[in-house]
N, C-alpha and C. Protein backbone atom coordinates (compact mmCIF):
# COMPACT_ATOMS: atom_id res chain seq x y z
N MET A 1 0.84 -1.17 0.00
CA MET A 1 0.00 0.00 0.00
C MET A 1 0.89 1.24 0.00
N ALA A 2 0.65 2.12 -0.95
CA ALA A 2 1.43 3.33 -1.06
C ALA A 2 0.96 4.35 -0.03
N MET A 3 1.89 5.08 0.52
CA MET A 3 1.56 6.07 1.54
C MET A 3 2.09 7.43 1.10
N PHE A 4 1.40 8.46 1.52
CA PHE A 4 1.85 9.83 1.28
C PHE A 4 2.74 10.25 2.44
N THR A 5 3.85 10.86 2.13
CA THR A 5 4.73 11.39 3.17
C THR A 5 4.28 12.81 3.51
N PRO A 6 4.71 13.35 4.65
CA PRO A 6 4.37 14.74 4.96
C PRO A 6 4.88 15.72 3.89
N ASN A 7 6.03 15.41 3.30
CA ASN A 7 6.57 16.26 2.24
C ASN A 7 5.65 16.26 1.02
N MET A 8 5.08 15.11 0.70
CA MET A 8 4.15 15.02 -0.43
C MET A 8 2.87 15.82 -0.14
N THR A 9 2.38 15.74 1.09
CA THR A 9 1.17 16.48 1.47
C THR A 9 1.41 17.98 1.39
N ARG A 10 2.57 18.44 1.86
CA ARG A 10 2.90 19.87 1.75
C ARG A 10 2.98 20.29 0.29
N TRP A 11 3.56 19.44 -0.56
CA TRP A 11 3.67 19.76 -1.99
C TRP A 11 2.27 19.88 -2.60
N LEU A 12 1.38 18.96 -2.25
CA LEU A 12 0.02 19.03 -2.77
C LEU A 12 -0.68 20.30 -2.32
N ALA A 13 -0.50 20.70 -1.06
CA ALA A 13 -1.15 21.90 -0.54
C ALA A 13 -0.68 23.14 -1.29
N ARG A 14 0.57 23.17 -1.71
CA ARG A 14 1.10 24.33 -2.44
C ARG A 14 0.77 24.30 -3.93
N ASN A 15 0.62 23.12 -4.52
CA ASN A 15 0.55 23.01 -5.97
C ASN A 15 -0.78 22.58 -6.55
N VAL A 16 -1.69 22.03 -5.76
CA VAL A 16 -2.97 21.58 -6.29
C VAL A 16 -3.92 22.74 -6.62
N PRO A 17 -4.02 23.78 -5.80
CA PRO A 17 -4.98 24.84 -6.10
C PRO A 17 -4.82 25.41 -7.51
N GLY A 18 -5.94 25.44 -8.25
CA GLY A 18 -5.94 25.95 -9.61
C GLY A 18 -5.76 24.88 -10.67
N LYS A 19 -5.50 23.65 -10.27
CA LYS A 19 -5.32 22.55 -11.23
C LYS A 19 -6.45 21.53 -11.07
N THR A 20 -6.70 20.78 -12.13
CA THR A 20 -7.60 19.64 -12.00
C THR A 20 -6.82 18.52 -11.32
N PHE A 21 -7.51 17.53 -10.80
CA PHE A 21 -6.80 16.44 -10.14
C PHE A 21 -6.07 15.57 -11.16
N ASP A 22 -6.52 15.54 -12.41
CA ASP A 22 -5.77 14.83 -13.46
C ASP A 22 -4.42 15.49 -13.70
N GLU A 23 -4.43 16.82 -13.82
CA GLU A 23 -3.18 17.57 -14.02
C GLU A 23 -2.27 17.41 -12.80
N ALA A 24 -2.85 17.55 -11.61
CA ALA A 24 -2.05 17.45 -10.39
C ALA A 24 -1.43 16.07 -10.25
N ALA A 25 -2.17 15.02 -10.60
CA ALA A 25 -1.65 13.65 -10.47
C ALA A 25 -0.48 13.41 -11.42
N SER A 26 -0.57 13.91 -12.65
CA SER A 26 0.52 13.67 -13.59
C SER A 26 1.79 14.41 -13.16
N VAL A 27 1.65 15.65 -12.68
CA VAL A 27 2.81 16.41 -12.21
C VAL A 27 3.37 15.79 -10.93
N PHE A 28 2.49 15.42 -10.02
CA PHE A 28 2.89 14.81 -8.75
C PHE A 28 3.64 13.51 -8.97
N ASN A 29 3.09 12.64 -9.83
CA ASN A 29 3.74 11.36 -10.09
C ASN A 29 5.09 11.53 -10.77
N GLY A 30 5.20 12.52 -11.66
CA GLY A 30 6.49 12.79 -12.29
C GLY A 30 7.52 13.30 -11.30
N ARG A 31 7.08 14.12 -10.37
CA ARG A 31 8.00 14.70 -9.38
C ARG A 31 8.47 13.67 -8.37
N PHE A 32 7.55 12.86 -7.87
CA PHE A 32 7.89 11.93 -6.79
C PHE A 32 8.11 10.49 -7.27
N GLY A 33 7.93 10.22 -8.56
CA GLY A 33 8.15 8.87 -9.08
C GLY A 33 7.15 7.86 -8.55
N CYS A 34 5.90 8.28 -8.37
CA CYS A 34 4.83 7.41 -7.84
C CYS A 34 3.85 7.08 -8.96
N GLU A 35 2.87 6.28 -8.62
CA GLU A 35 1.81 5.95 -9.57
C GLU A 35 0.44 6.13 -8.92
N PHE A 36 0.23 7.27 -8.27
CA PHE A 36 -1.07 7.56 -7.67
C PHE A 36 -2.06 7.96 -8.77
N THR A 37 -3.29 7.51 -8.64
CA THR A 37 -4.33 7.90 -9.59
C THR A 37 -4.89 9.26 -9.19
N PRO A 38 -5.55 9.95 -10.13
CA PRO A 38 -6.18 11.22 -9.76
C PRO A 38 -7.19 11.06 -8.62
N ARG A 39 -7.86 9.93 -8.58
CA ARG A 39 -8.83 9.69 -7.51
C ARG A 39 -8.14 9.56 -6.14
N GLN A 40 -6.97 8.92 -6.10
CA GLN A 40 -6.22 8.82 -4.86
C GLN A 40 -5.72 10.19 -4.40
N ILE A 41 -5.25 10.98 -5.36
CA ILE A 41 -4.79 12.34 -5.04
C ILE A 41 -5.96 13.15 -4.48
N LYS A 42 -7.12 13.06 -5.13
CA LYS A 42 -8.29 13.80 -4.67
C LYS A 42 -8.70 13.36 -3.27
N GLY A 43 -8.73 12.05 -3.03
CA GLY A 43 -9.10 11.53 -1.72
C GLY A 43 -8.17 12.03 -0.63
N HIS A 44 -6.87 12.06 -0.92
CA HIS A 44 -5.89 12.54 0.06
C HIS A 44 -6.09 14.04 0.32
N CYS A 45 -6.34 14.79 -0.75
CA CYS A 45 -6.55 16.24 -0.60
C CYS A 45 -7.82 16.53 0.20
N VAL A 46 -8.90 15.80 -0.07
CA VAL A 46 -10.15 16.01 0.66
C VAL A 46 -9.96 15.68 2.14
N TYR A 47 -9.27 14.60 2.43
CA TYR A 47 -9.03 14.18 3.80
C TYR A 47 -8.24 15.22 4.58
N HIS A 48 -7.27 15.86 3.91
CA HIS A 48 -6.40 16.84 4.56
C HIS A 48 -6.88 18.28 4.38
N GLY A 49 -8.06 18.47 3.80
CA GLY A 49 -8.63 19.81 3.66
C GLY A 49 -7.96 20.67 2.61
N ILE A 50 -7.31 20.05 1.63
CA ILE A 50 -6.65 20.79 0.55
C ILE A 50 -7.67 20.97 -0.56
N LYS A 51 -7.97 22.22 -0.90
CA LYS A 51 -8.98 22.49 -1.91
C LYS A 51 -8.30 22.85 -3.23
N ALA A 52 -8.88 22.37 -4.32
CA ALA A 52 -8.33 22.66 -5.63
C ALA A 52 -8.70 24.06 -6.10
N GLY A 53 -9.73 24.63 -5.52
CA GLY A 53 -10.13 25.98 -5.92
C GLY A 53 -10.89 26.01 -7.22
N ARG A 54 -11.33 24.85 -7.68
CA ARG A 54 -12.10 24.77 -8.93
C ARG A 54 -13.47 24.21 -8.59
N LYS A 55 -14.46 24.67 -9.32
CA LYS A 55 -15.82 24.19 -9.09
C LYS A 55 -16.25 23.19 -10.14
N GLY A 56 -15.45 23.00 -11.16
CA GLY A 56 -15.78 22.05 -12.19
C GLY A 56 -16.88 22.52 -13.12
N ARG A 57 -17.13 23.82 -13.13
CA ARG A 57 -18.18 24.38 -13.98
C ARG A 57 -17.59 25.44 -14.87
N LYS A 58 -18.30 25.71 -15.92
CA LYS A 58 -17.90 26.78 -16.82
C LYS A 58 -18.54 28.08 -16.36
N GLY A 59 -18.01 29.18 -16.82
CA GLY A 59 -18.52 30.48 -16.40
C GLY A 59 -19.88 30.79 -17.00
N ARG A 60 -20.42 31.95 -16.67
CA ARG A 60 -21.72 32.36 -17.17
C ARG A 60 -21.68 32.56 -18.67
N GLY A 61 -22.75 32.20 -19.33
CA GLY A 61 -22.91 32.46 -20.76
C GLY A 61 -21.97 31.67 -21.64
N TYR A 62 -21.57 30.47 -21.23
CA TYR A 62 -20.67 29.69 -22.06
C TYR A 62 -21.42 29.07 -23.23
N LYS A 63 -20.73 28.86 -24.36
CA LYS A 63 -21.32 28.22 -25.53
C LYS A 63 -21.48 26.73 -25.25
N ILE A 64 -22.57 26.16 -25.72
CA ILE A 64 -22.78 24.73 -25.53
C ILE A 64 -22.95 24.06 -26.88
N GLY A 65 -22.77 22.77 -26.91
CA GLY A 65 -22.95 22.01 -28.14
C GLY A 65 -24.41 21.72 -28.39
N THR A 66 -24.72 21.28 -29.60
CA THR A 66 -26.11 21.02 -29.96
C THR A 66 -26.70 19.84 -29.19
N GLU A 67 -25.85 18.89 -28.73
CA GLU A 67 -26.37 17.75 -27.99
C GLU A 67 -26.91 18.15 -26.63
N CYS A 68 -26.46 19.29 -26.09
CA CYS A 68 -26.95 19.77 -24.80
C CYS A 68 -28.11 20.72 -24.93
N ALA A 69 -28.34 21.23 -26.13
CA ALA A 69 -29.32 22.30 -26.32
C ALA A 69 -30.74 21.89 -25.96
N GLN A 70 -31.07 20.61 -26.10
CA GLN A 70 -32.44 20.19 -25.82
C GLN A 70 -32.75 20.23 -24.32
N HIS A 71 -31.73 20.23 -23.47
CA HIS A 71 -31.95 20.21 -22.03
C HIS A 71 -31.90 21.60 -21.39
N LEU A 72 -31.43 22.59 -22.14
CA LEU A 72 -31.29 23.93 -21.58
C LEU A 72 -32.12 24.93 -22.36
N CYS A 73 -32.47 26.00 -21.72
CA CYS A 73 -33.17 27.09 -22.36
C CYS A 73 -32.11 27.97 -23.03
N LEU A 74 -32.22 28.21 -24.32
CA LEU A 74 -31.17 28.92 -25.04
C LEU A 74 -31.62 30.29 -25.50
N ASP A 75 -30.67 31.19 -25.55
CA ASP A 75 -30.89 32.52 -26.08
C ASP A 75 -29.68 32.82 -26.96
N ASN A 76 -29.84 32.71 -28.26
CA ASN A 76 -28.75 32.92 -29.22
C ASN A 76 -27.60 31.95 -29.02
N GLY A 77 -27.88 30.72 -28.64
CA GLY A 77 -26.85 29.70 -28.51
C GLY A 77 -26.09 29.72 -27.20
N TYR A 78 -26.43 30.62 -26.29
CA TYR A 78 -25.77 30.69 -25.00
C TYR A 78 -26.68 30.11 -23.93
N ALA A 79 -26.09 29.44 -22.96
CA ALA A 79 -26.88 28.83 -21.89
C ALA A 79 -27.34 29.91 -20.93
N ARG A 80 -28.55 29.76 -20.46
CA ARG A 80 -29.08 30.63 -19.42
C ARG A 80 -30.06 29.82 -18.60
N GLU A 81 -30.41 30.32 -17.45
CA GLU A 81 -31.34 29.59 -16.59
C GLU A 81 -32.73 29.62 -17.20
N PRO A 82 -33.44 28.49 -17.17
CA PRO A 82 -34.79 28.47 -17.71
C PRO A 82 -35.74 29.31 -16.85
N ALA A 83 -36.73 29.87 -17.48
CA ALA A 83 -37.72 30.69 -16.76
C ALA A 83 -38.56 29.78 -15.87
N LEU A 84 -38.89 30.26 -14.70
CA LEU A 84 -39.74 29.49 -13.79
C LEU A 84 -41.19 29.60 -14.23
N GLU A 85 -41.90 28.51 -14.12
CA GLU A 85 -43.32 28.53 -14.46
C GLU A 85 -44.09 29.18 -13.31
N THR A 86 -45.12 29.92 -13.66
CA THR A 86 -45.96 30.54 -12.65
C THR A 86 -46.98 29.53 -12.18
N ILE A 87 -47.06 29.33 -10.88
CA ILE A 87 -48.00 28.38 -10.31
C ILE A 87 -49.11 29.20 -9.63
N VAL A 88 -50.33 28.93 -10.03
CA VAL A 88 -51.46 29.63 -9.43
C VAL A 88 -52.13 28.73 -8.42
N VAL A 89 -52.24 29.22 -7.20
CA VAL A 89 -52.90 28.47 -6.14
C VAL A 89 -54.17 29.24 -5.79
N ARG A 90 -55.30 28.57 -5.88
CA ARG A 90 -56.58 29.26 -5.61
C ARG A 90 -56.67 29.61 -4.14
N GLY A 91 -57.19 30.77 -3.89
CA GLY A 91 -57.38 31.24 -2.52
C GLY A 91 -56.24 32.15 -2.06
N PHE A 92 -55.16 32.21 -2.85
CA PHE A 92 -54.04 33.10 -2.51
C PHE A 92 -53.80 34.03 -3.67
N ARG A 93 -53.36 35.21 -3.38
CA ARG A 93 -53.04 36.17 -4.44
C ARG A 93 -51.57 36.32 -4.61
């Protein structure tokens, strides 16, 4: 079973923020000569409270492909939040 050393954990804390775990794993494995998977790197970071600083989402108004268009409300090919339907409940105004 492979173990992370304190030096490896410090390196992850300094270098993971701003990277995906795939990118971090390839750089980490090259630096330390290990074969940790991105999932193992992520698990170690989550356990030690190291955040990547990424939300895994694209910014507002990003372009989407046609395969996604049927699930989203579009305005000139850009994604936006769908309009909420108005629900009428009798007896309330």
